[in-house]
Amino acid sequence: MTISVLLADDQELIRSAVRSLIALAPDLTVVGEATDGVEAVNLAKQLHPDVVLMDIRMPNKNGIEATQEICADHDLADVRVLILTTFEEDEYVVNALRAGASGFIGKGTNTDDLLGAIHIVRAGESLLSPHATQVLIDRYVRPLPQDPADERPLRGLEELTDREREVLFLVAQGLNNTQIADEFVISPATVKTHVGRIMTKLYAHDRAQLVIAAYETGLRTPGPR
């Protein structure tokens, strides 16, 4: 089954390079290219790609705003956003994850990592290694004060079962379903069911947002700076 990809980057050179790399994979295809955030949202609605490879800094509407709009659209619920970034833009990455992005990858990455990232995100996993998760969380995420106008994250956390809390705790460490299954001596399918229920209760788009929710609700706390 071919995975369709929408490229969103205002630099033609970057789009051309990424397009050439994707062309090397027989099961990936570029279905469209956007030069700014507004065009990215419009093309996502028109083409309904499996994955949007999204730059952050773009004119008219930046990648974070475009990601939020795409991920908030119920008609695009199965569209995954993978952020293209550079290491010095970590502070934007957390905002992108909050907006619904499924992960991030550097623009200087090699071919295998780029193609692998697209497959991982399309499969419903978040592209957050334990190390990358910890670095981002320690640097930028702190528990949020409860807002009486929007109690959904805290209320959702209270609705989790003990096992669901345990699973969320490990998700926040960057563990995948197989690793969590090994930890609890259960099947990966059971873990997948738990994760799905947690997403529903926490109003999360994917695992990346679960990581953010776990820290912002205080289930996990960042390490010392």
N, C-alpha and C. Protein backbone atom coordinates (compact mmCIF):
# COMPACT_ATOMS: atom_id res chain seq x y z
N MET A 1 0.84 -1.20 0.00
CA MET A 1 0.00 0.00 0.00
C MET A 1 0.88 1.25 0.00
N THR A 2 0.63 2.15 -0.93
CA THR A 2 1.44 3.35 -1.07
C THR A 2 1.03 4.42 -0.06
N ILE A 3 2.03 5.02 0.58
CA ILE A 3 1.80 6.11 1.54
C ILE A 3 1.93 7.44 0.81
N SER A 4 0.88 8.25 0.87
CA SER A 4 0.90 9.54 0.19
C SER A 4 1.44 10.62 1.12
N VAL A 5 2.30 11.49 0.58
CA VAL A 5 2.97 12.51 1.37
C VAL A 5 2.75 13.89 0.75
N LEU A 6 2.41 14.85 1.61
CA LEU A 6 2.31 16.25 1.20
C LEU A 6 3.51 16.99 1.78
N LEU A 7 4.28 17.67 0.94
CA LEU A 7 5.43 18.45 1.38
C LEU A 7 5.02 19.89 1.61
N ALA A 8 5.39 20.44 2.77
CA ALA A 8 5.08 21.84 3.07
C ALA A 8 6.34 22.54 3.54
N ASP A 9 6.92 23.34 2.64
CA ASP A 9 8.16 24.07 2.94
C ASP A 9 8.26 25.22 1.96
N ASP A 10 8.64 26.39 2.45
CA ASP A 10 8.69 27.55 1.56
C ASP A 10 9.96 27.58 0.71
N GLN A 11 10.92 26.67 1.00
CA GLN A 11 12.15 26.64 0.22
C GLN A 11 12.08 25.55 -0.85
N GLU A 12 12.13 25.97 -2.10
CA GLU A 12 12.01 25.03 -3.22
C GLU A 12 13.12 24.00 -3.20
N LEU A 13 14.33 24.43 -2.78
CA LEU A 13 15.47 23.52 -2.74
C LEU A 13 15.21 22.36 -1.76
N ILE A 14 14.64 22.70 -0.61
CA ILE A 14 14.32 21.66 0.39
C ILE A 14 13.26 20.71 -0.16
N ARG A 15 12.22 21.27 -0.75
CA ARG A 15 11.15 20.42 -1.30
C ARG A 15 11.70 19.49 -2.37
N SER A 16 12.56 20.03 -3.22
CA SER A 16 13.14 19.23 -4.30
C SER A 16 13.98 18.09 -3.75
N ALA A 17 14.78 18.39 -2.73
CA ALA A 17 15.65 17.37 -2.14
C ALA A 17 14.82 16.28 -1.46
N VAL A 18 13.80 16.68 -0.71
CA VAL A 18 12.96 15.70 -0.02
C VAL A 18 12.16 14.88 -1.03
N ARG A 19 11.69 15.53 -2.07
CA ARG A 19 10.94 14.83 -3.11
C ARG A 19 11.81 13.75 -3.76
N SER A 20 13.06 14.07 -3.99
CA SER A 20 13.98 13.11 -4.61
C SER A 20 14.24 11.93 -3.69
N LEU A 21 14.34 12.19 -2.38
CA LEU A 21 14.58 11.12 -1.42
C LEU A 21 13.36 10.19 -1.32
N ILE A 22 12.19 10.79 -1.28
CA ILE A 22 10.96 9.99 -1.18
C ILE A 22 10.77 9.14 -2.43
N ALA A 23 11.23 9.65 -3.57
CA ALA A 23 11.09 8.91 -4.83
C ALA A 23 11.88 7.60 -4.81
N LEU A 24 12.83 7.49 -3.86
CA LEU A 24 13.63 6.27 -3.76
C LEU A 24 12.85 5.12 -3.14
N ALA A 25 11.76 5.43 -2.46
CA ALA A 25 10.97 4.39 -1.80
C ALA A 25 9.79 3.99 -2.68
N PRO A 26 9.66 2.72 -3.01
CA PRO A 26 8.59 2.27 -3.90
C PRO A 26 7.19 2.40 -3.30
N ASP A 27 7.11 2.50 -1.96
CA ASP A 27 5.79 2.56 -1.33
C ASP A 27 5.45 3.95 -0.81
N LEU A 28 6.20 4.97 -1.26
CA LEU A 28 5.92 6.35 -0.89
C LEU A 28 5.74 7.19 -2.15
N THR A 29 4.86 8.18 -2.07
CA THR A 29 4.68 9.06 -3.21
C THR A 29 4.30 10.46 -2.75
N VAL A 30 4.86 11.48 -3.38
CA VAL A 30 4.53 12.87 -3.08
C VAL A 30 3.30 13.25 -3.90
N VAL A 31 2.23 13.64 -3.22
CA VAL A 31 0.99 13.97 -3.93
C VAL A 31 0.76 15.46 -4.06
N GLY A 32 1.59 16.26 -3.37
CA GLY A 32 1.42 17.70 -3.47
C GLY A 32 2.52 18.44 -2.73
N GLU A 33 2.68 19.73 -3.05
CA GLU A 33 3.69 20.56 -2.41
C GLU A 33 3.08 21.92 -2.07
N ALA A 34 3.32 22.36 -0.83
CA ALA A 34 2.81 23.65 -0.37
C ALA A 34 3.98 24.57 -0.04
N THR A 35 3.82 25.85 -0.34
CA THR A 35 4.89 26.81 -0.09
C THR A 35 4.65 27.66 1.15
N ASP A 36 3.50 27.50 1.78
CA ASP A 36 3.23 28.20 3.03
C ASP A 36 2.16 27.43 3.81
N GLY A 37 1.88 27.89 5.04
CA GLY A 37 0.94 27.18 5.89
C GLY A 37 -0.48 27.17 5.38
N VAL A 38 -0.90 28.27 4.78
CA VAL A 38 -2.26 28.34 4.25
C VAL A 38 -2.45 27.30 3.15
N GLU A 39 -1.48 27.24 2.24
CA GLU A 39 -1.56 26.27 1.16
C GLU A 39 -1.48 24.84 1.69
N ALA A 40 -0.71 24.63 2.75
CA ALA A 40 -0.59 23.29 3.35
C ALA A 40 -1.94 22.81 3.86
N VAL A 41 -2.66 23.69 4.54
CA VAL A 41 -3.98 23.32 5.07
C VAL A 41 -4.95 23.04 3.92
N ASN A 42 -4.95 23.91 2.94
CA ASN A 42 -5.87 23.74 1.80
C ASN A 42 -5.59 22.44 1.04
N LEU A 43 -4.30 22.15 0.80
CA LEU A 43 -3.96 20.93 0.07
C LEU A 43 -4.24 19.68 0.90
N ALA A 44 -4.07 19.79 2.21
CA ALA A 44 -4.39 18.65 3.08
C ALA A 44 -5.87 18.31 2.97
N LYS A 45 -6.71 19.33 2.90
CA LYS A 45 -8.15 19.12 2.78
C LYS A 45 -8.52 18.56 1.41
N GLN A 46 -7.81 19.02 0.38
CA GLN A 46 -8.11 18.57 -0.98
C GLN A 46 -7.57 17.16 -1.26
N LEU A 47 -6.34 16.90 -0.81
CA LEU A 47 -5.65 15.67 -1.20
C LEU A 47 -5.74 14.56 -0.15
N HIS A 48 -6.04 14.94 1.08
CA HIS A 48 -6.14 13.98 2.18
C HIS A 48 -4.92 13.03 2.19
N PRO A 49 -3.71 13.56 2.34
CA PRO A 49 -2.52 12.71 2.33
C PRO A 49 -2.41 11.89 3.62
N ASP A 50 -1.63 10.85 3.58
CA ASP A 50 -1.39 10.05 4.78
C ASP A 50 -0.50 10.80 5.76
N VAL A 51 0.50 11.50 5.21
CA VAL A 51 1.46 12.23 6.04
C VAL A 51 1.74 13.59 5.44
N VAL A 52 1.77 14.62 6.29
CA VAL A 52 2.20 15.95 5.87
C VAL A 52 3.58 16.19 6.48
N LEU A 53 4.56 16.42 5.63
CA LEU A 53 5.91 16.74 6.07
C LEU A 53 5.98 18.26 6.17
N MET A 54 5.93 18.79 7.39
CA MET A 54 5.66 20.21 7.62
C MET A 54 6.86 20.97 8.17
N ASP A 55 7.24 22.05 7.46
CA ASP A 55 8.26 22.96 7.97
C ASP A 55 7.60 23.85 9.02
N ILE A 56 8.38 24.44 9.90
CA ILE A 56 7.82 25.31 10.93
C ILE A 56 7.76 26.76 10.47
N ARG A 57 8.87 27.27 9.98
CA ARG A 57 8.93 28.68 9.60
C ARG A 57 8.53 28.87 8.15
N MET A 58 7.28 29.30 7.97
CA MET A 58 6.76 29.56 6.62
C MET A 58 5.94 30.84 6.64
N PRO A 59 5.80 31.51 5.50
CA PRO A 59 5.02 32.75 5.46
C PRO A 59 3.52 32.49 5.53
N ASN A 60 2.78 33.57 5.78
CA ASN A 60 1.31 33.58 5.82
C ASN A 60 0.74 32.81 7.02
N LYS A 61 1.07 31.56 7.15
CA LYS A 61 0.67 30.76 8.31
C LYS A 61 1.82 29.81 8.60
N ASN A 62 2.37 29.86 9.82
CA ASN A 62 3.53 29.01 10.10
C ASN A 62 3.12 27.55 10.27
N GLY A 63 4.12 26.68 10.38
CA GLY A 63 3.84 25.26 10.44
C GLY A 63 3.08 24.82 11.66
N ILE A 64 3.28 25.50 12.78
CA ILE A 64 2.57 25.16 14.00
C ILE A 64 1.08 25.47 13.85
N GLU A 65 0.78 26.65 13.32
CA GLU A 65 -0.62 27.03 13.11
C GLU A 65 -1.29 26.10 12.10
N ALA A 66 -0.56 25.77 11.04
CA ALA A 66 -1.10 24.87 10.02
C ALA A 66 -1.34 23.48 10.60
N THR A 67 -0.41 23.01 11.42
CA THR A 67 -0.56 21.70 12.07
C THR A 67 -1.79 21.67 12.96
N GLN A 68 -1.97 22.73 13.74
CA GLN A 68 -3.12 22.79 14.64
C GLN A 68 -4.43 22.75 13.87
N GLU A 69 -4.47 23.46 12.75
CA GLU A 69 -5.69 23.50 11.95
C GLU A 69 -5.98 22.14 11.32
N ILE A 70 -4.94 21.48 10.82
CA ILE A 70 -5.11 20.16 10.21
C ILE A 70 -5.56 19.13 11.25
N CYS A 71 -4.89 19.13 12.40
CA CYS A 71 -5.19 18.13 13.42
C CYS A 71 -6.52 18.36 14.12
N ALA A 72 -7.04 19.58 14.04
CA ALA A 72 -8.34 19.88 14.65
C ALA A 72 -9.50 19.56 13.72
N ASP A 73 -9.19 19.27 12.46
CA ASP A 73 -10.23 18.98 11.47
C ASP A 73 -10.61 17.50 11.55
N HIS A 74 -11.84 17.21 11.94
CA HIS A 74 -12.29 15.83 12.09
C HIS A 74 -12.21 15.06 10.78
N ASP A 75 -12.38 15.75 9.66
CA ASP A 75 -12.30 15.08 8.36
C ASP A 75 -10.87 14.65 8.03
N LEU A 76 -9.90 15.18 8.76
CA LEU A 76 -8.49 14.84 8.52
C LEU A 76 -7.92 14.07 9.70
N ALA A 77 -8.77 13.37 10.42
CA ALA A 77 -8.35 12.68 11.65
C ALA A 77 -7.26 11.65 11.41
N ASP A 78 -7.21 11.07 10.20
CA ASP A 78 -6.20 10.05 9.94
C ASP A 78 -4.97 10.61 9.22
N VAL A 79 -4.90 11.92 9.07
CA VAL A 79 -3.72 12.56 8.48
C VAL A 79 -2.71 12.83 9.58
N ARG A 80 -1.47 12.40 9.39
CA ARG A 80 -0.42 12.61 10.38
C ARG A 80 0.53 13.71 9.92
N VAL A 81 0.97 14.52 10.87
CA VAL A 81 1.89 15.62 10.57
C VAL A 81 3.26 15.30 11.17
N LEU A 82 4.28 15.33 10.33
CA LEU A 82 5.66 15.11 10.75
C LEU A 82 6.41 16.42 10.53
N ILE A 83 6.94 16.98 11.60
CA ILE A 83 7.59 18.28 11.53
C ILE A 83 9.03 18.17 11.03
N LEU A 84 9.36 19.00 10.06
CA LEU A 84 10.75 19.15 9.59
C LEU A 84 11.37 20.29 10.36
N THR A 85 12.49 20.04 11.04
CA THR A 85 13.04 21.09 11.88
C THR A 85 14.56 20.99 11.93
N THR A 86 15.16 21.89 12.70
CA THR A 86 16.60 21.86 12.96
C THR A 86 16.78 21.85 14.47
N PHE A 87 17.93 21.41 14.94
CA PHE A 87 18.13 21.23 16.37
C PHE A 87 17.91 22.50 17.18
N GLU A 88 18.22 23.67 16.59
CA GLU A 88 18.09 24.90 17.35
C GLU A 88 16.64 25.36 17.46
N GLU A 89 15.71 24.62 16.92
CA GLU A 89 14.31 25.01 16.97
C GLU A 89 13.50 24.16 17.95
N ASP A 90 14.16 23.61 18.97
CA ASP A 90 13.47 22.70 19.88
C ASP A 90 12.25 23.33 20.54
N GLU A 91 12.34 24.63 20.87
CA GLU A 91 11.20 25.26 21.54
C GLU A 91 9.96 25.26 20.67
N TYR A 92 10.13 25.30 19.35
CA TYR A 92 8.99 25.24 18.45
C TYR A 92 8.43 23.83 18.36
N VAL A 93 9.28 22.84 18.57
CA VAL A 93 8.85 21.45 18.45
C VAL A 93 7.78 21.12 19.47
N VAL A 94 7.97 21.54 20.72
CA VAL A 94 6.98 21.26 21.76
C VAL A 94 5.65 21.90 21.40
N ASN A 95 5.67 23.12 20.89
CA ASN A 95 4.43 23.77 20.48
C ASN A 95 3.77 23.00 19.35
N ALA A 96 4.59 22.46 18.45
CA ALA A 96 4.04 21.67 17.35
C ALA A 96 3.41 20.38 17.85
N LEU A 97 4.03 19.75 18.84
CA LEU A 97 3.46 18.53 19.42
C LEU A 97 2.14 18.84 20.12
N ARG A 98 2.09 19.96 20.82
CA ARG A 98 0.83 20.35 21.45
C ARG A 98 -0.25 20.58 20.40
N ALA A 99 0.18 21.06 19.24
CA ALA A 99 -0.79 21.33 18.17
C ALA A 99 -1.29 20.06 17.51
N GLY A 100 -0.60 18.94 17.75
CA GLY A 100 -1.06 17.67 17.20
C GLY A 100 -0.08 16.94 16.31
N ALA A 101 1.13 17.49 16.14
CA ALA A 101 2.13 16.81 15.30
C ALA A 101 2.50 15.47 15.92
N SER A 102 2.81 14.50 15.07
CA SER A 102 3.14 13.15 15.54
C SER A 102 4.63 12.96 15.81
N GLY A 103 5.43 13.97 15.54
CA GLY A 103 6.86 13.86 15.79
C GLY A 103 7.63 14.86 14.98
N PHE A 104 8.93 14.72 14.99
CA PHE A 104 9.77 15.66 14.26
C PHE A 104 11.02 14.97 13.75
N ILE A 105 11.61 15.55 12.74
CA ILE A 105 12.84 15.02 12.17
C ILE A 105 13.66 16.19 11.62
N GLY A 106 14.97 16.10 11.74
CA GLY A 106 15.83 17.17 11.30
C GLY A 106 15.98 17.23 9.79
N LYS A 107 16.17 18.42 9.27
CA LYS A 107 16.32 18.58 7.82
C LYS A 107 17.63 17.97 7.32
N GLY A 108 18.58 17.77 8.20
CA GLY A 108 19.85 17.20 7.79
C GLY A 108 19.89 15.69 7.94
N THR A 109 18.75 15.06 8.17
CA THR A 109 18.72 13.62 8.39
C THR A 109 19.10 12.85 7.14
N ASN A 110 19.49 11.59 7.30
CA ASN A 110 19.84 10.78 6.13
C ASN A 110 18.58 10.16 5.52
N THR A 111 18.74 9.58 4.36
CA THR A 111 17.61 9.05 3.60
C THR A 111 16.84 7.98 4.37
N ASP A 112 17.55 7.02 4.94
CA ASP A 112 16.88 5.93 5.64
C ASP A 112 16.06 6.44 6.82
N ASP A 113 16.61 7.40 7.56
CA ASP A 113 15.89 7.93 8.71
C ASP A 113 14.64 8.69 8.28
N LEU A 114 14.75 9.44 7.20
CA LEU A 114 13.59 10.20 6.71
C LEU A 114 12.48 9.25 6.27
N LEU A 115 12.82 8.28 5.46
CA LEU A 115 11.81 7.34 4.97
C LEU A 115 11.24 6.52 6.12
N GLY A 116 12.10 6.14 7.06
CA GLY A 116 11.63 5.39 8.22
C GLY A 116 10.69 6.22 9.07
N ALA A 117 10.98 7.51 9.21
CA ALA A 117 10.14 8.39 10.01
C ALA A 117 8.73 8.49 9.42
N ILE A 118 8.65 8.58 8.12
CA ILE A 118 7.34 8.66 7.46
C ILE A 118 6.54 7.39 7.73
N HIS A 119 7.19 6.24 7.64
CA HIS A 119 6.51 4.97 7.91
C HIS A 119 6.06 4.87 9.36
N ILE A 120 6.90 5.30 10.28
CA ILE A 120 6.57 5.23 11.70
C ILE A 120 5.35 6.08 12.02
N VAL A 121 5.35 7.31 11.52
CA VAL A 121 4.24 8.22 11.78
C VAL A 121 2.95 7.71 11.14
N ARG A 122 3.06 7.19 9.94
CA ARG A 122 1.87 6.66 9.25
C ARG A 122 1.29 5.48 10.02
N ALA A 123 2.13 4.72 10.68
CA ALA A 123 1.67 3.54 11.43
C ALA A 123 1.00 3.91 12.75
N GLY A 124 1.00 5.19 13.07
CA GLY A 124 0.32 5.63 14.28
C GLY A 124 1.23 5.80 15.48
N GLU A 125 2.52 5.60 15.28
CA GLU A 125 3.48 5.80 16.37
C GLU A 125 3.98 7.24 16.34
N SER A 126 4.47 7.71 17.48
CA SER A 126 5.05 9.05 17.50
C SER A 126 6.55 8.93 17.34
N LEU A 127 7.15 9.86 16.63
CA LEU A 127 8.58 9.82 16.38
C LEU A 127 9.30 10.56 17.50
N LEU A 128 9.33 9.94 18.67
CA LEU A 128 9.98 10.53 19.83
C LEU A 128 10.77 9.44 20.55
N SER A 129 12.07 9.46 20.40
CA SER A 129 12.89 8.50 21.12
C SER A 129 12.90 8.87 22.59
N PRO A 130 13.22 7.94 23.50
CA PRO A 130 13.29 8.29 24.93
C PRO A 130 14.21 9.48 25.20
N HIS A 131 15.36 9.51 24.52
CA HIS A 131 16.30 10.61 24.74
C HIS A 131 15.72 11.94 24.27
N ALA A 132 15.17 11.95 23.06
CA ALA A 132 14.60 13.18 22.52
C ALA A 132 13.43 13.66 23.38
N THR A 133 12.61 12.72 23.84
CA THR A 133 11.49 13.07 24.70
C THR A 133 11.98 13.76 25.96
N GLN A 134 12.98 13.17 26.62
CA GLN A 134 13.46 13.71 27.88
C GLN A 134 14.08 15.09 27.70
N VAL A 135 14.85 15.26 26.62
CA VAL A 135 15.48 16.56 26.36
C VAL A 135 14.43 17.65 26.19
N LEU A 136 13.43 17.35 25.37
CA LEU A 136 12.39 18.34 25.11
C LEU A 136 11.58 18.66 26.36
N ILE A 137 11.18 17.62 27.08
CA ILE A 137 10.37 17.81 28.27
C ILE A 137 11.15 18.58 29.34
N ASP A 138 12.39 18.19 29.58
CA ASP A 138 13.19 18.86 30.60
C ASP A 138 13.40 20.34 30.30
N ARG A 139 13.53 20.64 29.01
CA ARG A 139 13.84 22.03 28.64
C ARG A 139 12.62 22.91 28.55
N TYR A 140 11.49 22.36 28.10
CA TYR A 140 10.40 23.24 27.73
C TYR A 140 9.04 22.97 28.35
N VAL A 141 8.81 21.79 28.91
CA VAL A 141 7.47 21.48 29.40
C VAL A 141 7.43 21.54 30.92
N ARG A 142 6.46 22.26 31.43
CA ARG A 142 6.22 22.34 32.87
C ARG A 142 4.73 22.13 33.11
N PRO A 143 4.36 21.57 34.28
CA PRO A 143 2.93 21.39 34.56
C PRO A 143 2.19 22.71 34.43
N LEU A 144 1.02 22.66 33.78
CA LEU A 144 0.22 23.85 33.59
C LEU A 144 -0.74 24.05 34.76
N PRO A 145 -0.98 25.31 35.19
CA PRO A 145 -1.98 25.54 36.23
C PRO A 145 -3.36 25.18 35.69
N GLN A 146 -4.20 24.69 36.55
CA GLN A 146 -5.53 24.30 36.10
C GLN A 146 -6.34 25.53 35.74
N ASP A 147 -6.91 25.54 34.58
CA ASP A 147 -7.76 26.63 34.11
C ASP A 147 -9.20 26.21 34.28
N PRO A 148 -9.97 26.91 35.12
CA PRO A 148 -11.36 26.52 35.33
C PRO A 148 -12.16 26.47 34.04
N ALA A 149 -11.72 27.23 33.03
CA ALA A 149 -12.46 27.26 31.76
C ALA A 149 -12.17 26.05 30.90
N ASP A 150 -11.11 25.31 31.21
CA ASP A 150 -10.76 24.14 30.41
C ASP A 150 -10.10 23.09 31.29
N GLU A 151 -10.91 22.25 31.91
CA GLU A 151 -10.42 21.26 32.84
C GLU A 151 -10.27 19.89 32.20
N ARG A 152 -10.36 19.80 30.88
CA ARG A 152 -10.37 18.51 30.21
C ARG A 152 -9.14 17.64 30.50
N PRO A 153 -7.91 18.18 30.44
CA PRO A 153 -6.77 17.30 30.69
C PRO A 153 -6.78 16.69 32.08
N LEU A 154 -7.04 17.52 33.12
CA LEU A 154 -7.05 17.02 34.48
C LEU A 154 -8.22 16.07 34.70
N ARG A 155 -9.38 16.43 34.19
CA ARG A 155 -10.54 15.57 34.37
C ARG A 155 -10.31 14.23 33.67
N GLY A 156 -9.70 14.27 32.50
CA GLY A 156 -9.43 13.04 31.78
C GLY A 156 -8.46 12.16 32.54
N LEU A 157 -7.45 12.77 33.17
CA LEU A 157 -6.47 12.00 33.92
C LEU A 157 -7.14 11.29 35.09
N GLU A 158 -8.07 11.92 35.72
CA GLU A 158 -8.79 11.31 36.83
C GLU A 158 -9.64 10.13 36.38
N GLU A 159 -10.01 10.13 35.11
CA GLU A 159 -10.84 9.05 34.59
C GLU A 159 -10.04 7.81 34.19
N LEU A 160 -8.71 7.92 34.17
CA LEU A 160 -7.89 6.79 33.77
C LEU A 160 -7.89 5.71 34.85
N THR A 161 -7.85 4.46 34.43
CA THR A 161 -7.69 3.36 35.37
C THR A 161 -6.24 3.32 35.85
N ASP A 162 -5.97 2.52 36.86
CA ASP A 162 -4.60 2.40 37.37
C ASP A 162 -3.66 1.90 36.27
N ARG A 163 -4.10 0.90 35.50
CA ARG A 163 -3.25 0.37 34.45
C ARG A 163 -3.04 1.42 33.35
N GLU A 164 -4.08 2.18 33.03
CA GLU A 164 -3.94 3.21 32.00
C GLU A 164 -2.96 4.29 32.45
N ARG A 165 -2.94 4.61 33.72
CA ARG A 165 -1.96 5.57 34.23
C ARG A 165 -0.55 5.02 34.10
N GLU A 166 -0.41 3.72 34.39
CA GLU A 166 0.90 3.08 34.27
C GLU A 166 1.38 3.07 32.82
N VAL A 167 0.46 2.80 31.91
CA VAL A 167 0.81 2.80 30.49
C VAL A 167 1.18 4.20 30.04
N LEU A 168 0.41 5.20 30.45
CA LEU A 168 0.70 6.58 30.08
C LEU A 168 2.06 7.01 30.61
N PHE A 169 2.37 6.58 31.81
CA PHE A 169 3.67 6.90 32.43
C PHE A 169 4.82 6.42 31.55
N LEU A 170 4.68 5.21 31.00
CA LEU A 170 5.73 4.65 30.15
C LEU A 170 5.72 5.27 28.75
N VAL A 171 4.54 5.61 28.25
CA VAL A 171 4.45 6.32 26.98
C VAL A 171 5.24 7.63 27.09
N ALA A 172 5.11 8.29 28.23
CA ALA A 172 5.79 9.57 28.44
C ALA A 172 7.30 9.41 28.51
N GLN A 173 7.77 8.18 28.71
CA GLN A 173 9.21 7.92 28.69
C GLN A 173 9.70 7.65 27.27
N GLY A 174 8.77 7.55 26.33
CA GLY A 174 9.15 7.29 24.94
C GLY A 174 9.13 5.83 24.58
N LEU A 175 8.58 4.97 25.44
CA LEU A 175 8.54 3.54 25.13
C LEU A 175 7.46 3.25 24.10
N ASN A 176 7.73 2.29 23.20
CA ASN A 176 6.73 1.91 22.22
C ASN A 176 5.85 0.79 22.78
N ASN A 177 4.88 0.34 22.01
CA ASN A 177 3.92 -0.66 22.51
C ASN A 177 4.59 -1.97 22.90
N THR A 178 5.56 -2.41 22.11
CA THR A 178 6.25 -3.66 22.40
C THR A 178 7.03 -3.57 23.71
N GLN A 179 7.70 -2.45 23.92
CA GLN A 179 8.47 -2.27 25.14
C GLN A 179 7.57 -2.21 26.37
N ILE A 180 6.43 -1.54 26.22
CA ILE A 180 5.48 -1.46 27.33
C ILE A 180 4.89 -2.84 27.61
N ALA A 181 4.59 -3.58 26.55
CA ALA A 181 4.06 -4.94 26.70
C ALA A 181 5.04 -5.82 27.47
N ASP A 182 6.33 -5.70 27.16
CA ASP A 182 7.35 -6.47 27.86
C ASP A 182 7.40 -6.08 29.35
N GLU A 183 7.20 -4.81 29.61
CA GLU A 183 7.26 -4.32 30.99
C GLU A 183 6.14 -4.93 31.84
N PHE A 184 4.96 -5.04 31.26
CA PHE A 184 3.80 -5.53 32.01
C PHE A 184 3.48 -7.00 31.73
N VAL A 185 4.26 -7.64 30.86
CA VAL A 185 4.04 -9.03 30.46
C VAL A 185 2.62 -9.20 29.92
N ILE A 186 2.27 -8.35 28.97
CA ILE A 186 1.00 -8.43 28.26
C ILE A 186 1.30 -8.32 26.77
N SER A 187 0.29 -8.46 25.93
CA SER A 187 0.51 -8.41 24.49
C SER A 187 0.56 -6.96 23.99
N PRO A 188 1.30 -6.71 22.90
CA PRO A 188 1.30 -5.37 22.30
C PRO A 188 -0.11 -4.93 21.90
N ALA A 189 -0.96 -5.87 21.50
CA ALA A 189 -2.33 -5.53 21.12
C ALA A 189 -3.10 -4.96 22.32
N THR A 190 -2.85 -5.53 23.49
CA THR A 190 -3.50 -5.02 24.70
C THR A 190 -3.01 -3.62 25.03
N VAL A 191 -1.71 -3.41 24.85
CA VAL A 191 -1.16 -2.07 25.08
C VAL A 191 -1.79 -1.08 24.11
N LYS A 192 -1.93 -1.48 22.85
CA LYS A 192 -2.53 -0.61 21.85
C LYS A 192 -3.95 -0.22 22.25
N THR A 193 -4.69 -1.17 22.81
CA THR A 193 -6.05 -0.89 23.27
C THR A 193 -6.02 0.12 24.41
N HIS A 194 -5.11 -0.07 25.36
CA HIS A 194 -4.98 0.87 26.48
C HIS A 194 -4.66 2.27 25.96
N VAL A 195 -3.69 2.35 25.04
CA VAL A 195 -3.28 3.65 24.51
C VAL A 195 -4.45 4.35 23.80
N GLY A 196 -5.22 3.58 23.04
CA GLY A 196 -6.37 4.15 22.36
C GLY A 196 -7.39 4.72 23.33
N ARG A 197 -7.63 4.00 24.42
CA ARG A 197 -8.58 4.49 25.43
C ARG A 197 -8.06 5.73 26.14
N ILE A 198 -6.75 5.74 26.39
CA ILE A 198 -6.15 6.92 27.03
C ILE A 198 -6.28 8.14 26.13
N MET A 199 -6.04 7.97 24.83
CA MET A 199 -6.16 9.08 23.89
C MET A 199 -7.58 9.65 23.92
N THR A 200 -8.56 8.76 23.94
CA THR A 200 -9.95 9.20 23.97
C THR A 200 -10.24 10.00 25.23
N LYS A 201 -9.78 9.51 26.36
CA LYS A 201 -10.05 10.17 27.64
C LYS A 201 -9.31 11.50 27.79
N LEU A 202 -8.13 11.60 27.18
CA LEU A 202 -7.33 12.82 27.31
C LEU A 202 -7.47 13.74 26.09
N TYR A 203 -8.38 13.39 25.18
CA TYR A 203 -8.60 14.21 23.99
C TYR A 203 -7.30 14.40 23.20
N ALA A 204 -6.49 13.35 23.13
CA ALA A 204 -5.20 13.43 22.46
C ALA A 204 -5.30 12.95 21.01
N HIS A 205 -4.57 13.61 20.12
CA HIS A 205 -4.56 13.24 18.71
C HIS A 205 -3.70 12.01 18.48
N ASP A 206 -2.59 11.89 19.20
CA ASP A 206 -1.71 10.74 19.05
C ASP A 206 -0.79 10.64 20.26
N ARG A 207 0.19 9.74 20.19
CA ARG A 207 1.06 9.47 21.33
C ARG A 207 1.90 10.69 21.72
N ALA A 208 2.27 11.50 20.76
CA ALA A 208 3.07 12.68 21.08
C ALA A 208 2.32 13.60 22.03
N GLN A 209 1.03 13.76 21.80
CA GLN A 209 0.24 14.60 22.70
C GLN A 209 0.07 13.95 24.06
N LEU A 210 0.09 12.62 24.10
CA LEU A 210 0.02 11.94 25.40
C LEU A 210 1.25 12.26 26.24
N VAL A 211 2.41 12.35 25.58
CA VAL A 211 3.64 12.70 26.31
C VAL A 211 3.49 14.07 26.95
N ILE A 212 3.02 15.03 26.16
CA ILE A 212 2.81 16.38 26.68
C ILE A 212 1.81 16.36 27.82
N ALA A 213 0.69 15.66 27.65
CA ALA A 213 -0.35 15.61 28.67
C ALA A 213 0.15 15.00 29.96
N ALA A 214 1.00 13.98 29.86
CA ALA A 214 1.51 13.31 31.06
C ALA A 214 2.31 14.28 31.93
N TYR A 215 3.07 15.16 31.29
CA TYR A 215 3.87 16.12 32.04
C TYR A 215 3.05 17.32 32.50
N GLU A 216 2.17 17.78 31.64
CA GLU A 216 1.40 18.97 31.99
C GLU A 216 0.38 18.70 33.08
N THR A 217 -0.06 17.47 33.20
CA THR A 217 -1.00 17.13 34.28
C THR A 217 -0.28 16.67 35.53
N GLY A 218 1.06 16.56 35.47
CA GLY A 218 1.82 16.21 36.65
C GLY A 218 1.99 14.71 36.88
N LEU A 219 1.52 13.87 35.95
CA LEU A 219 1.71 12.43 36.11
C LEU A 219 3.20 12.11 36.12
N ARG A 220 3.94 12.80 35.24
CA ARG A 220 5.39 12.76 35.27
C ARG A 220 5.89 14.17 35.47
N THR A 221 7.07 14.31 36.06
CA THR A 221 7.64 15.63 36.26
C THR A 221 9.00 15.70 35.62
N PRO A 222 9.34 16.85 35.03
CA PRO A 222 10.66 16.99 34.38
C PRO A 222 11.78 16.86 35.39
N GLY A 223 12.94 16.44 34.90
CA GLY A 223 14.12 16.35 35.74
C GLY A 223 14.68 17.75 35.99
N PRO A 224 15.71 17.86 36.81
CA PRO A 224 16.30 19.17 37.10
C PRO A 224 16.95 19.76 35.86
N ARG A 225 16.91 21.06 35.74
CA ARG A 225 17.56 21.74 34.61
C ARG A 225 19.05 21.68 34.78
